[in-house]
N, C-alpha and C. Protein backbone atom coordinates (compact mmCIF):
# COMPACT_ATOMS: atom_id res chain seq x y z
N UNK A 1 -10.22 -20.79 -0.26
CA UNK A 1 -9.03 -20.36 -1.27
C UNK A 1 -8.03 -19.79 -0.37
N UNK A 2 -6.75 -20.23 -0.62
CA UNK A 2 -5.53 -19.72 -0.01
C UNK A 2 -5.13 -18.58 -0.85
N UNK A 3 -4.96 -17.35 -0.24
CA UNK A 3 -4.62 -16.23 -0.88
C UNK A 3 -3.20 -15.82 -0.69
N UNK A 4 -2.58 -16.51 0.07
CA UNK A 4 -1.08 -16.32 0.27
C UNK A 4 -0.10 -17.40 -0.37
N UNK A 5 0.86 -16.81 -1.09
CA UNK A 5 1.73 -17.51 -1.71
C UNK A 5 3.36 -17.34 -1.35
N UNK A 6 3.99 -18.21 -0.86
CA UNK A 6 5.30 -18.15 -0.42
C UNK A 6 6.03 -18.68 -1.69
N UNK A 7 6.94 -17.80 -2.14
CA UNK A 7 7.88 -18.19 -3.34
C UNK A 7 9.19 -18.21 -2.77
N UNK A 8 9.67 -19.53 -2.83
CA UNK A 8 10.91 -19.78 -2.40
C UNK A 8 11.74 -19.81 -3.56
N UNK A 9 12.86 -18.88 -3.44
CA UNK A 9 13.68 -18.51 -4.52
C UNK A 9 15.03 -19.06 -4.32
N UNK A 10 15.21 -20.04 -5.17
CA UNK A 10 16.58 -20.74 -5.23
C UNK A 10 17.12 -21.00 -4.01
N UNK A 11 16.16 -21.89 -3.08
CA UNK A 11 16.44 -22.14 -1.63
C UNK A 11 15.72 -23.68 -1.53
N UNK A 12 16.23 -24.54 -2.44
CA UNK A 12 15.56 -25.84 -2.68
C UNK A 12 15.31 -26.67 -1.48
N UNK A 13 16.20 -26.52 -0.36
CA UNK A 13 16.14 -27.42 0.98
C UNK A 13 14.96 -26.98 1.62
N UNK A 14 14.87 -25.60 1.61
CA UNK A 14 13.50 -25.09 2.32
C UNK A 14 12.24 -25.45 1.53
N UNK A 15 12.21 -25.60 0.33
CA UNK A 15 11.02 -26.10 -0.44
C UNK A 15 10.77 -27.38 -0.12
N UNK A 16 11.70 -28.33 0.13
CA UNK A 16 11.56 -29.73 0.31
C UNK A 16 10.98 -30.02 1.55
N UNK A 17 11.60 -29.08 2.64
CA UNK A 17 11.07 -29.19 3.99
C UNK A 17 9.44 -28.81 4.06
N UNK A 18 9.31 -27.76 3.59
CA UNK A 18 7.81 -27.11 3.49
C UNK A 18 6.93 -28.12 2.66
N UNK A 19 7.43 -28.69 1.79
CA UNK A 19 6.45 -29.61 0.78
C UNK A 19 6.15 -30.65 1.68
N UNK A 20 6.85 -31.22 2.49
CA UNK A 20 6.46 -32.26 3.43
C UNK A 20 5.29 -31.97 4.44
N UNK A 21 5.34 -30.75 4.73
CA UNK A 21 4.23 -30.52 5.75
C UNK A 21 3.14 -29.35 5.14
N UNK A 22 3.10 -29.45 3.73
CA UNK A 22 2.31 -28.36 2.96
C UNK A 22 0.79 -28.40 3.40
N UNK A 23 0.33 -29.57 3.71
CA UNK A 23 -1.17 -29.62 4.17
C UNK A 23 -1.61 -29.07 5.39
N UNK A 24 -0.47 -28.66 6.34
CA UNK A 24 -0.76 -28.16 7.46
C UNK A 24 -0.44 -26.64 7.32
N UNK A 25 -0.19 -26.02 6.33
CA UNK A 25 0.28 -24.65 6.02
C UNK A 25 -0.94 -23.98 5.64
N UNK A 26 -0.86 -22.68 5.78
CA UNK A 26 -2.05 -21.79 5.53
C UNK A 26 -1.50 -20.77 4.52
N UNK A 27 -0.69 -21.23 3.58
CA UNK A 27 -0.10 -20.49 2.47
C UNK A 27 0.41 -21.56 1.45
N UNK A 28 0.25 -21.00 0.17
CA UNK A 28 0.72 -22.11 -0.94
C UNK A 28 2.33 -21.77 -0.91
N UNK A 29 2.95 -22.76 -1.59
CA UNK A 29 4.35 -22.61 -1.67
C UNK A 29 4.59 -23.01 -3.09
N UNK A 30 5.75 -22.17 -3.58
CA UNK A 30 6.22 -22.32 -4.98
C UNK A 30 7.59 -22.06 -4.99
N UNK A 31 8.40 -23.22 -5.63
CA UNK A 31 9.81 -23.03 -5.87
C UNK A 31 10.25 -22.19 -7.19
N UNK A 32 10.94 -21.45 -7.24
CA UNK A 32 11.41 -20.91 -8.62
C UNK A 32 13.05 -20.70 -8.33
N UNK A 33 13.55 -20.80 -9.62
CA UNK A 33 14.90 -20.57 -9.84
C UNK A 33 15.13 -19.20 -10.38
N UNK A 34 16.26 -18.77 -10.95
CA UNK A 34 16.27 -17.45 -11.44
C UNK A 34 15.41 -17.41 -12.88
N UNK A 35 15.64 -18.47 -13.59
CA UNK A 35 15.03 -18.46 -14.94
C UNK A 35 13.41 -18.47 -14.73
N UNK A 36 12.90 -19.45 -13.81
CA UNK A 36 11.49 -19.43 -13.68
C UNK A 36 10.99 -18.08 -13.04
N UNK A 37 11.76 -17.57 -12.19
CA UNK A 37 11.26 -16.19 -11.66
C UNK A 37 11.09 -15.16 -12.70
N UNK A 38 12.02 -15.10 -13.66
CA UNK A 38 11.95 -13.96 -14.63
C UNK A 38 10.56 -14.34 -15.71
N UNK A 39 10.10 -15.46 -15.63
CA UNK A 39 8.88 -15.92 -16.36
C UNK A 39 7.53 -15.81 -15.40
N UNK A 40 7.63 -15.35 -14.16
CA UNK A 40 6.84 -15.55 -13.22
C UNK A 40 5.84 -14.10 -13.29
N UNK A 41 4.70 -14.02 -13.35
CA UNK A 41 3.86 -12.83 -13.34
C UNK A 41 3.50 -12.63 -11.87
N UNK A 42 4.20 -11.70 -11.17
CA UNK A 42 3.91 -11.65 -9.67
C UNK A 42 2.57 -10.79 -9.52
N UNK A 43 1.99 -10.08 -10.54
CA UNK A 43 0.45 -9.57 -10.37
C UNK A 43 -0.52 -10.50 -10.11
N UNK A 44 -0.31 -11.72 -10.42
CA UNK A 44 -1.29 -12.61 -10.31
C UNK A 44 -1.51 -13.21 -9.10
N UNK A 45 -0.59 -12.70 -8.11
CA UNK A 45 -0.70 -13.30 -6.71
C UNK A 45 -1.36 -12.28 -5.74
N UNK A 46 -2.26 -12.51 -5.14
CA UNK A 46 -2.88 -11.55 -4.18
C UNK A 46 -1.94 -11.18 -3.09
N UNK A 47 -1.31 -12.13 -2.45
CA UNK A 47 -0.37 -11.59 -1.31
C UNK A 47 0.82 -12.57 -1.40
N UNK A 48 2.03 -12.14 -1.62
CA UNK A 48 3.11 -13.12 -1.84
C UNK A 48 4.26 -12.55 -1.11
N UNK A 49 5.19 -13.57 -0.78
CA UNK A 49 6.44 -13.39 -0.04
C UNK A 49 7.39 -14.25 -0.85
N UNK A 50 8.68 -13.57 -0.90
CA UNK A 50 9.76 -14.23 -1.46
C UNK A 50 10.66 -14.56 -0.42
N UNK A 51 11.00 -15.83 -0.20
CA UNK A 51 11.95 -16.10 0.82
C UNK A 51 13.25 -16.68 0.04
N UNK A 52 14.45 -16.38 0.52
CA UNK A 52 15.71 -16.77 -0.07
C UNK A 52 16.58 -16.92 1.17
N UNK A 53 17.84 -17.39 0.63
CA UNK A 53 18.83 -17.60 1.71
C UNK A 53 19.80 -16.31 1.66
N UNK A 54 19.79 -15.65 0.68
CA UNK A 54 20.68 -14.23 0.59
C UNK A 54 19.69 -13.18 0.40
N UNK A 55 19.97 -11.96 0.57
CA UNK A 55 19.24 -10.65 0.23
C UNK A 55 19.53 -10.39 -1.18
N UNK A 56 18.23 -10.22 -1.75
CA UNK A 56 18.28 -9.75 -3.25
C UNK A 56 17.55 -8.29 -3.16
N UNK A 57 18.25 -7.45 -3.57
CA UNK A 57 17.96 -5.88 -3.33
C UNK A 57 16.95 -5.75 -4.46
N UNK A 58 16.96 -6.47 -5.57
CA UNK A 58 15.94 -6.18 -6.73
C UNK A 58 14.82 -6.91 -6.56
N UNK A 59 14.39 -7.60 -5.42
CA UNK A 59 13.34 -8.43 -5.30
C UNK A 59 12.42 -7.72 -4.18
N UNK A 60 11.15 -7.53 -4.66
CA UNK A 60 10.19 -6.91 -3.69
C UNK A 60 9.43 -7.93 -2.92
N UNK A 61 9.25 -7.57 -1.68
CA UNK A 61 8.51 -8.68 -0.61
C UNK A 61 9.43 -9.77 -0.35
N UNK A 62 10.84 -9.56 -0.33
CA UNK A 62 11.78 -10.66 -0.03
C UNK A 62 12.28 -10.32 1.33
N UNK A 63 12.28 -11.51 1.84
CA UNK A 63 12.85 -11.66 3.19
C UNK A 63 13.87 -12.80 3.20
N UNK A 64 15.00 -12.71 4.02
CA UNK A 64 16.09 -13.85 4.31
C UNK A 64 15.77 -14.57 5.33
N UNK A 65 16.03 -15.84 5.14
CA UNK A 65 15.76 -16.74 6.22
C UNK A 65 17.34 -16.81 6.94
N UNK A 66 17.29 -16.41 8.08
CA UNK A 66 18.81 -16.27 8.88
C UNK A 66 18.75 -17.13 10.04
N UNK A 67 19.75 -16.95 10.73
CA UNK A 67 19.84 -17.70 12.08
C UNK A 67 19.43 -19.13 12.07
N UNK A 68 19.85 -19.69 11.24
CA UNK A 68 19.59 -21.24 11.05
C UNK A 68 20.59 -22.01 12.12
N UNK A 69 20.18 -23.28 12.63
CA UNK A 69 18.97 -23.92 12.38
C UNK A 69 17.78 -23.17 13.21
N UNK A 70 16.57 -23.58 12.78
CA UNK A 70 15.42 -22.94 13.44
C UNK A 70 14.34 -23.95 13.54
N UNK A 71 13.58 -24.02 14.64
CA UNK A 71 12.64 -24.74 14.79
C UNK A 71 11.43 -24.54 13.75
N UNK A 72 10.75 -25.64 13.39
CA UNK A 72 9.77 -25.54 12.25
C UNK A 72 8.60 -24.50 12.72
N UNK A 73 8.28 -24.69 13.99
CA UNK A 73 7.05 -23.71 14.30
C UNK A 73 7.45 -22.30 14.21
N UNK A 74 8.73 -22.02 14.75
CA UNK A 74 9.14 -20.63 14.58
C UNK A 74 9.38 -20.37 13.20
N UNK A 75 9.77 -21.09 12.21
CA UNK A 75 9.87 -20.79 10.85
C UNK A 75 8.59 -20.25 10.43
N UNK A 76 7.61 -21.22 10.80
CA UNK A 76 6.06 -20.81 10.15
C UNK A 76 5.64 -19.49 10.77
N UNK A 77 6.03 -19.20 12.05
CA UNK A 77 5.42 -18.00 12.48
C UNK A 77 6.07 -16.86 11.96
N UNK A 78 7.58 -16.90 11.61
CA UNK A 78 8.08 -15.88 10.82
C UNK A 78 7.75 -15.48 9.61
N UNK A 79 7.31 -16.66 8.77
CA UNK A 79 6.67 -16.50 7.50
C UNK A 79 5.22 -15.80 7.73
N UNK A 80 4.50 -16.44 8.59
CA UNK A 80 3.00 -15.47 8.83
C UNK A 80 3.32 -14.09 9.25
N UNK A 81 4.33 -13.82 10.00
CA UNK A 81 4.28 -12.46 10.30
C UNK A 81 4.87 -11.60 9.20
N UNK A 82 5.50 -12.09 8.30
CA UNK A 82 6.19 -11.36 7.09
C UNK A 82 4.84 -11.40 6.10
N UNK A 83 4.03 -12.33 6.03
CA UNK A 83 2.75 -12.06 5.38
C UNK A 83 1.88 -10.91 5.77
N UNK A 84 1.91 -10.86 7.13
CA UNK A 84 1.02 -9.75 7.68
C UNK A 84 1.59 -8.38 7.39
N UNK A 85 3.11 -8.42 7.45
CA UNK A 85 3.65 -7.17 7.30
C UNK A 85 3.48 -6.88 5.76
N UNK A 86 3.46 -7.57 4.86
CA UNK A 86 3.44 -7.26 3.53
C UNK A 86 2.04 -6.80 3.13
N UNK A 87 1.06 -7.56 3.89
CA UNK A 87 -0.55 -7.11 3.53
C UNK A 87 -0.73 -5.81 4.02
N UNK A 88 -0.16 -5.31 5.38
CA UNK A 88 -0.30 -4.26 5.78
C UNK A 88 0.12 -2.97 5.07
N UNK A 89 1.36 -3.18 4.60
CA UNK A 89 2.14 -2.24 3.52
C UNK A 89 1.22 -1.83 2.30
N UNK A 90 0.85 -3.23 1.71
CA UNK A 90 0.09 -3.12 0.49
C UNK A 90 -1.07 -2.32 0.62
N UNK A 91 -2.02 -2.50 1.70
CA UNK A 91 -3.13 -1.86 1.93
C UNK A 91 -2.99 -0.31 2.37
N UNK A 92 -1.63 -0.07 2.78
CA UNK A 92 -1.43 1.35 3.21
C UNK A 92 -1.21 2.30 2.07
N UNK A 93 -0.93 1.80 0.89
CA UNK A 93 -0.56 2.51 -0.27
C UNK A 93 -1.73 2.67 -1.19
N UNK A 94 -2.28 4.09 -1.53
CA UNK A 94 -3.52 4.26 -2.28
C UNK A 94 -2.71 5.10 -3.39
N UNK A 95 -3.33 4.51 -4.62
CA UNK A 95 -2.88 5.31 -5.96
C UNK A 95 -3.91 6.37 -6.10
N UNK A 96 -3.61 7.70 -6.16
CA UNK A 96 -4.29 8.97 -6.39
C UNK A 96 -3.75 9.57 -7.45
N UNK A 97 -4.34 9.47 -8.66
CA UNK A 97 -3.96 10.09 -9.94
C UNK A 97 -2.40 9.61 -10.16
N UNK A 98 -1.54 10.47 -10.44
CA UNK A 98 -0.14 9.92 -10.66
C UNK A 98 0.65 9.89 -9.34
N UNK A 99 -0.04 9.97 -8.17
CA UNK A 99 0.47 9.98 -7.09
C UNK A 99 0.39 8.51 -6.08
N UNK A 100 1.24 8.42 -5.22
CA UNK A 100 1.06 7.40 -4.25
C UNK A 100 0.75 8.05 -2.85
N UNK A 101 -0.31 7.62 -2.14
CA UNK A 101 -0.63 8.04 -0.93
C UNK A 101 -0.51 7.09 0.20
N UNK A 102 0.66 7.30 1.11
CA UNK A 102 0.92 6.58 1.99
C UNK A 102 0.13 6.81 3.27
N UNK A 103 -0.94 5.78 3.74
CA UNK A 103 -1.71 6.20 4.52
C UNK A 103 -0.99 6.00 6.04
N UNK A 104 -0.07 5.26 6.03
CA UNK A 104 0.77 4.79 7.21
C UNK A 104 1.36 6.09 7.67
N UNK A 105 2.27 6.65 6.84
CA UNK A 105 3.13 7.77 7.21
C UNK A 105 2.51 9.31 6.84
N UNK A 106 1.16 9.26 6.26
CA UNK A 106 0.51 10.37 5.89
C UNK A 106 1.51 11.31 4.97
N UNK A 107 1.92 10.58 3.83
CA UNK A 107 2.63 11.16 2.83
C UNK A 107 2.00 10.94 1.52
N UNK A 108 2.13 11.99 0.57
CA UNK A 108 1.95 11.68 -0.78
C UNK A 108 3.22 11.82 -1.72
N UNK A 109 3.49 10.88 -2.55
CA UNK A 109 4.72 10.82 -3.14
C UNK A 109 4.49 10.78 -4.56
N UNK A 110 5.46 11.34 -5.16
CA UNK A 110 5.53 11.24 -6.77
C UNK A 110 7.06 11.17 -6.96
N UNK A 111 7.33 10.07 -7.73
CA UNK A 111 8.77 9.87 -7.91
C UNK A 111 9.64 9.84 -6.53
N UNK A 112 10.66 10.86 -6.52
CA UNK A 112 11.48 10.84 -5.26
C UNK A 112 10.86 11.98 -4.40
N UNK A 113 9.85 12.65 -4.89
CA UNK A 113 9.64 13.68 -3.80
C UNK A 113 8.22 13.44 -3.04
N UNK A 114 8.35 13.67 -1.49
CA UNK A 114 7.22 13.25 -0.84
C UNK A 114 6.70 14.64 -0.01
N UNK A 115 5.54 14.68 0.37
CA UNK A 115 4.77 15.80 0.99
C UNK A 115 3.99 15.10 2.21
N UNK A 116 4.35 15.78 3.44
CA UNK A 116 3.67 15.31 4.63
C UNK A 116 2.41 16.01 4.73
N UNK A 117 1.22 15.13 4.93
CA UNK A 117 -0.11 15.79 5.11
C UNK A 117 -0.65 15.74 6.39
N UNK A 118 -1.60 16.44 6.80
CA UNK A 118 -2.32 16.30 7.89
C UNK A 118 -3.42 15.28 7.87
N UNK A 119 -3.92 14.65 8.95
CA UNK A 119 -4.94 13.77 8.96
C UNK A 119 -6.03 14.15 8.06
N UNK A 120 -6.52 15.55 8.28
CA UNK A 120 -7.66 16.07 7.62
C UNK A 120 -7.44 16.17 6.04
N UNK A 121 -6.31 16.40 5.56
CA UNK A 121 -5.77 16.37 4.45
C UNK A 121 -5.82 15.14 3.70
N UNK A 122 -5.65 14.03 4.43
CA UNK A 122 -5.47 12.60 3.92
C UNK A 122 -7.04 12.06 3.81
N UNK A 123 -7.94 12.58 4.92
CA UNK A 123 -9.07 12.29 4.67
C UNK A 123 -9.88 12.86 3.55
N UNK A 124 -9.55 14.24 3.46
CA UNK A 124 -10.06 15.03 2.10
C UNK A 124 -9.86 14.34 1.04
N UNK A 125 -8.60 13.97 0.67
CA UNK A 125 -8.07 13.41 -0.74
C UNK A 125 -8.85 12.29 -0.73
N UNK A 126 -8.82 11.33 0.12
CA UNK A 126 -9.61 9.86 0.18
C UNK A 126 -11.08 9.98 -0.13
N UNK A 127 -11.59 11.08 0.37
CA UNK A 127 -13.11 11.17 0.16
C UNK A 127 -13.31 11.81 -1.12
N UNK A 128 -12.54 12.67 -1.61
CA UNK A 128 -12.75 13.36 -2.98
C UNK A 128 -12.61 12.27 -3.96
N UNK A 129 -11.40 11.53 -3.76
CA UNK A 129 -11.39 10.29 -4.62
C UNK A 129 -12.29 9.34 -4.89
N UNK A 130 -13.02 9.16 -3.91
CA UNK A 130 -14.29 8.01 -3.88
C UNK A 130 -15.34 8.52 -4.71
N UNK A 131 -15.52 9.59 -5.34
CA UNK A 131 -16.58 9.98 -5.95
C UNK A 131 -15.99 10.80 -7.20
N UNK A 132 -16.85 11.06 -8.30
CA UNK A 132 -16.56 11.85 -9.28
C UNK A 132 -16.65 13.10 -8.93
N UNK A 133 -17.56 13.76 -8.23
CA UNK A 133 -17.46 15.09 -7.70
C UNK A 133 -17.95 15.18 -6.27
N UNK A 134 -17.39 16.04 -5.37
CA UNK A 134 -17.68 16.22 -4.05
C UNK A 134 -18.17 17.51 -3.69
N UNK A 135 -19.41 17.66 -3.15
CA UNK A 135 -19.64 19.25 -2.84
C UNK A 135 -19.22 19.42 -1.69
N UNK A 136 -19.26 20.73 -1.26
CA UNK A 136 -18.75 21.40 0.04
C UNK A 136 -19.56 20.75 1.04
N UNK A 137 -20.88 20.53 1.12
CA UNK A 137 -21.75 20.02 1.97
C UNK A 137 -21.31 18.53 2.33
N UNK A 138 -20.98 17.94 1.25
CA UNK A 138 -20.53 16.37 1.46
C UNK A 138 -19.30 16.26 2.42
N UNK A 139 -18.25 17.15 1.91
CA UNK A 139 -17.16 17.25 2.65
C UNK A 139 -17.42 17.59 4.24
N UNK A 140 -18.37 18.66 4.40
CA UNK A 140 -18.54 19.03 5.62
C UNK A 140 -19.24 17.89 6.63
N UNK A 141 -20.10 16.95 5.95
CA UNK A 141 -20.80 15.92 6.46
C UNK A 141 -19.85 14.68 6.78
N UNK A 142 -19.00 14.51 5.88
CA UNK A 142 -18.25 13.20 5.87
C UNK A 142 -16.86 13.28 6.24
N UNK A 143 -16.25 14.55 6.20
CA UNK A 143 -14.96 14.64 6.59
C UNK A 143 -14.73 15.49 8.02
N UNK A 144 -15.68 16.55 8.28
CA UNK A 144 -15.54 17.16 9.20
C UNK A 144 -16.71 17.13 10.25
N UNK A 145 -17.44 16.08 10.06
CA UNK A 145 -18.65 15.66 10.85
C UNK A 145 -19.39 16.84 11.21
N UNK A 146 -20.12 17.36 9.97
CA UNK A 146 -20.92 18.60 10.02
C UNK A 146 -21.48 18.92 11.27
N UNK A 147 -21.18 20.16 11.76
CA UNK A 147 -22.02 20.92 12.72
C UNK A 147 -22.49 22.21 12.25
N UNK A 148 -23.69 22.43 12.67
CA UNK A 148 -24.51 23.56 12.12
C UNK A 148 -23.78 24.84 12.10
N UNK A 149 -22.68 25.20 13.02
CA UNK A 149 -22.02 26.35 12.88
C UNK A 149 -20.75 26.21 12.09
N UNK A 150 -20.33 25.19 11.42
CA UNK A 150 -19.11 25.00 10.71
C UNK A 150 -19.64 25.77 9.30
N UNK A 151 -18.68 26.79 8.95
CA UNK A 151 -18.89 27.57 7.78
C UNK A 151 -18.21 26.82 6.63
N UNK A 152 -18.65 27.19 5.48
CA UNK A 152 -18.11 26.61 4.25
C UNK A 152 -16.72 27.08 4.20
N UNK A 153 -16.40 28.18 4.72
CA UNK A 153 -14.90 28.77 4.46
C UNK A 153 -14.03 27.78 5.29
N UNK A 154 -14.38 26.83 6.23
CA UNK A 154 -13.37 25.82 6.72
C UNK A 154 -13.06 24.90 5.78
N UNK A 155 -13.95 24.30 4.90
CA UNK A 155 -13.68 23.37 3.80
C UNK A 155 -12.85 24.00 2.72
N UNK A 156 -13.26 25.35 2.38
CA UNK A 156 -12.64 26.02 1.24
C UNK A 156 -11.21 26.34 1.57
N UNK A 157 -11.02 26.81 2.94
CA UNK A 157 -9.68 27.00 3.42
C UNK A 157 -8.67 25.89 3.41
N UNK A 158 -9.22 24.63 3.86
CA UNK A 158 -8.29 23.53 3.85
C UNK A 158 -8.11 23.00 2.40
N UNK A 159 -9.01 23.02 1.55
CA UNK A 159 -8.67 22.81 0.12
C UNK A 159 -7.78 23.77 -0.66
N UNK A 160 -7.85 25.16 -0.18
CA UNK A 160 -7.01 26.09 -0.75
C UNK A 160 -5.54 25.68 -0.19
N UNK A 161 -5.34 25.27 1.08
CA UNK A 161 -3.88 25.15 1.67
C UNK A 161 -3.47 23.80 1.07
N UNK A 162 -4.23 22.96 0.93
CA UNK A 162 -3.89 21.58 0.23
C UNK A 162 -3.44 21.79 -1.37
N UNK A 163 -4.11 22.56 -1.98
CA UNK A 163 -3.74 22.87 -3.21
C UNK A 163 -2.43 23.58 -3.19
N UNK A 164 -2.26 24.61 -2.37
CA UNK A 164 -1.03 25.29 -2.36
C UNK A 164 0.22 24.35 -2.06
N UNK A 165 -0.09 23.53 -1.07
CA UNK A 165 0.97 22.47 -0.49
C UNK A 165 1.46 21.70 -1.99
N UNK A 166 0.53 21.25 -2.57
CA UNK A 166 0.77 20.56 -3.58
C UNK A 166 1.40 21.08 -4.96
N UNK A 167 1.05 22.53 -5.18
CA UNK A 167 1.57 23.31 -6.16
C UNK A 167 3.12 23.64 -5.60
N UNK A 168 3.35 23.96 -4.31
CA UNK A 168 4.75 24.21 -3.88
C UNK A 168 5.71 23.06 -4.04
N UNK A 169 5.15 21.92 -3.66
CA UNK A 169 6.13 20.77 -3.66
C UNK A 169 6.13 19.98 -4.98
N UNK A 170 5.17 19.99 -5.73
CA UNK A 170 5.09 19.25 -7.00
C UNK A 170 4.86 20.16 -8.10
N UNK A 171 4.76 21.32 -7.96
CA UNK A 171 4.31 22.21 -9.30
C UNK A 171 3.03 21.69 -9.77
N UNK A 172 2.16 21.31 -9.12
CA UNK A 172 0.85 20.63 -9.47
C UNK A 172 -0.23 21.62 -9.22
N UNK A 173 -0.81 22.54 -9.90
CA UNK A 173 -1.93 23.25 -9.49
C UNK A 173 -3.30 22.70 -10.05
N UNK A 174 -3.09 21.53 -10.57
CA UNK A 174 -4.40 20.97 -11.23
C UNK A 174 -4.90 19.63 -10.37
N UNK A 175 -4.30 19.50 -9.27
CA UNK A 175 -4.52 18.41 -8.33
C UNK A 175 -5.94 18.28 -8.08
N UNK A 176 -6.45 19.09 -7.40
CA UNK A 176 -8.00 19.12 -6.79
C UNK A 176 -8.58 20.12 -8.01
N UNK A 177 -9.45 19.83 -8.55
CA UNK A 177 -10.18 20.76 -9.59
C UNK A 177 -11.60 21.09 -9.04
N UNK A 178 -12.10 22.35 -9.12
CA UNK A 178 -13.40 22.65 -8.69
C UNK A 178 -14.25 23.12 -9.94
N UNK A 179 -15.34 22.82 -9.96
CA UNK A 179 -16.63 23.19 -10.85
C UNK A 179 -17.71 23.35 -10.06
N UNK A 180 -18.82 23.63 -10.95
CA UNK A 180 -20.20 23.68 -10.36
C UNK A 180 -20.74 22.48 -9.77
N UNK A 181 -20.14 21.33 -10.25
CA UNK A 181 -20.46 20.07 -9.68
C UNK A 181 -19.84 19.74 -8.20
N UNK A 182 -18.86 20.44 -8.08
CA UNK A 182 -18.17 20.24 -6.72
C UNK A 182 -16.49 20.01 -7.11
N UNK A 183 -15.76 19.27 -6.11
CA UNK A 183 -14.43 18.97 -6.10
C UNK A 183 -14.14 17.86 -6.79
N UNK A 184 -13.02 17.56 -7.42
CA UNK A 184 -12.59 16.27 -7.89
C UNK A 184 -11.05 16.17 -7.93
N UNK A 185 -10.59 15.09 -7.92
CA UNK A 185 -9.15 14.81 -7.98
C UNK A 185 -8.99 14.75 -9.60
N UNK A 186 -7.88 15.51 -10.03
CA UNK A 186 -7.65 15.55 -11.67
C UNK A 186 -6.83 14.26 -12.00
């Protein structure tokens, strides 16, 4: 199954060229004009790129084919590199409640606000998100690599600091909740 789709946006000559060598490509190609694009459901594509002859700021995953003429093997290389970039970016963003967690930059984002996190804070958030409730012991074992001399205060202090950062930046004092069952992301 081919999971990559190159959407060629109002660039008919490129579509014709790639159609001729379609059987040698490792991605699907689809030509759309402005009208077809408005009807297109991009969510159905696992990994897509939109290539055009001009930059459209309102298009996501769009790259412009510039510096023409270009050799065909170079063109395919550029397309594949852009697929890799898109895939990398897509995998780096994790939805956490109402926030977006960017694993590459280690920032948690809500609307236009962002907060830088430490590596341990990111690991803590990801681990807590992975379960309904997480105990201090589970955090010690899985995030801190439990050692017998690690006190529970280490985990509690990190959680306290993370909660404080979230409250100070986003006004959210409900991000990480604690109950008898353990911690959870609200």
